[in-house]
């Protein structure tokens, strides 16, 4: 199973971007996506942006992740 997480693009430098995963910043490669822009959300898997998300898809994905993290936190 693979898991891709949504992240907001903060900076773009050629084929690399700095993205934000809810406060955690990471560099990702942009080789697999087109039409990326600062401020947009992408799905990231294994250090690569694999899909540019629409605003609606980003919102839904972020809400799903928030729900999952809440459930995992309650299990501790």
Protein backbone atom coordinates (compact mmCIF):
# COMPACT_ATOMS: atom_id res chain seq x y z
CA UNK A 1 0.00 0.00 0.00
CA UNK A 2 1.24 3.48 -0.75
CA UNK A 3 0.16 6.65 0.98
CA UNK A 4 0.35 10.11 -0.51
CA UNK A 5 -0.07 13.15 1.69
CA UNK A 6 -1.26 16.62 0.66
CA UNK A 7 1.22 19.47 0.97
CA UNK A 8 1.15 23.17 0.11
CA UNK A 9 3.85 24.49 -2.22
CA UNK A 10 5.82 27.27 -0.54
CA UNK A 11 8.73 27.72 -2.96
CA UNK A 12 9.65 26.44 -6.41
CA UNK A 13 13.18 26.18 -7.79
CA UNK A 14 13.36 24.48 -11.20
CA UNK A 15 12.22 20.88 -10.67
CA UNK A 16 12.19 21.04 -6.86
CA UNK A 17 9.76 22.60 -4.41
CA UNK A 18 9.63 23.26 -0.69
CA UNK A 19 6.27 22.10 0.60
CA UNK A 20 4.48 22.34 3.93
CA UNK A 21 2.84 19.34 5.60
CA UNK A 22 0.98 21.20 8.36
CA UNK A 23 4.09 22.86 9.74
CA UNK A 24 6.70 20.37 8.56
CA UNK A 25 8.68 21.55 5.55
CA UNK A 26 10.26 19.21 3.04
CA UNK A 27 11.83 19.39 -0.41
CA UNK A 28 10.06 17.38 -3.09
CA UNK A 29 10.77 16.69 -6.73
CA UNK A 30 8.34 18.05 -9.34
CA UNK A 31 9.39 15.79 -12.25
CA UNK A 32 6.04 13.97 -12.35
CA UNK A 33 3.67 16.96 -12.38
CA UNK A 34 2.97 19.95 -14.60
CA UNK A 35 1.51 23.40 -14.03
CA UNK A 36 2.61 23.73 -10.42
CA UNK A 37 2.34 27.10 -8.72
CA UNK A 38 3.30 28.51 -5.36
CA UNK A 39 0.29 28.24 -3.04
CA UNK A 40 -1.19 25.17 -4.74
CA UNK A 41 -1.46 21.77 -3.07
CA UNK A 42 0.13 18.57 -4.36
CA UNK A 43 -0.02 14.96 -3.28
CA UNK A 44 3.43 13.80 -2.21
CA UNK A 45 4.70 10.22 -2.12
CA UNK A 46 8.31 9.19 -1.50
CA UNK A 47 9.67 12.68 -2.04
CA UNK A 48 7.83 13.27 -5.33
CA UNK A 49 4.79 15.39 -6.06
CA UNK A 50 2.56 12.95 -7.93
CA UNK A 51 -0.57 15.05 -8.49
CA UNK A 52 -1.59 18.72 -8.41
CA UNK A 53 -4.81 19.03 -6.43
CA UNK A 54 -7.75 21.28 -7.13
CA UNK A 55 -8.72 23.54 -4.23
CA UNK A 56 -11.71 21.30 -3.47
CA UNK A 57 -9.66 18.08 -3.59
CA UNK A 58 -7.01 19.65 -1.34
CA UNK A 59 -9.67 20.65 1.20
CA UNK A 60 -11.19 17.15 1.20
CA UNK A 61 -7.79 15.48 1.52
CA UNK A 62 -6.69 17.75 4.38
CA UNK A 63 -9.96 17.08 6.22
CA UNK A 64 -9.52 13.32 5.77
CA UNK A 65 -5.95 13.48 7.12
CA UNK A 66 -7.10 15.57 10.09
CA UNK A 67 -9.75 12.97 10.88
CA UNK A 68 -7.26 10.12 10.64
CA UNK A 69 -4.76 11.89 12.89
CA UNK A 70 -7.50 12.57 15.43
CA UNK A 71 -8.49 8.88 15.54
CA UNK A 72 -4.85 7.81 15.89
CA UNK A 73 -4.31 10.33 18.67
CA UNK A 74 -7.36 9.03 20.57
CA UNK A 75 -5.99 5.48 20.43
CA UNK A 76 -2.87 6.42 22.40
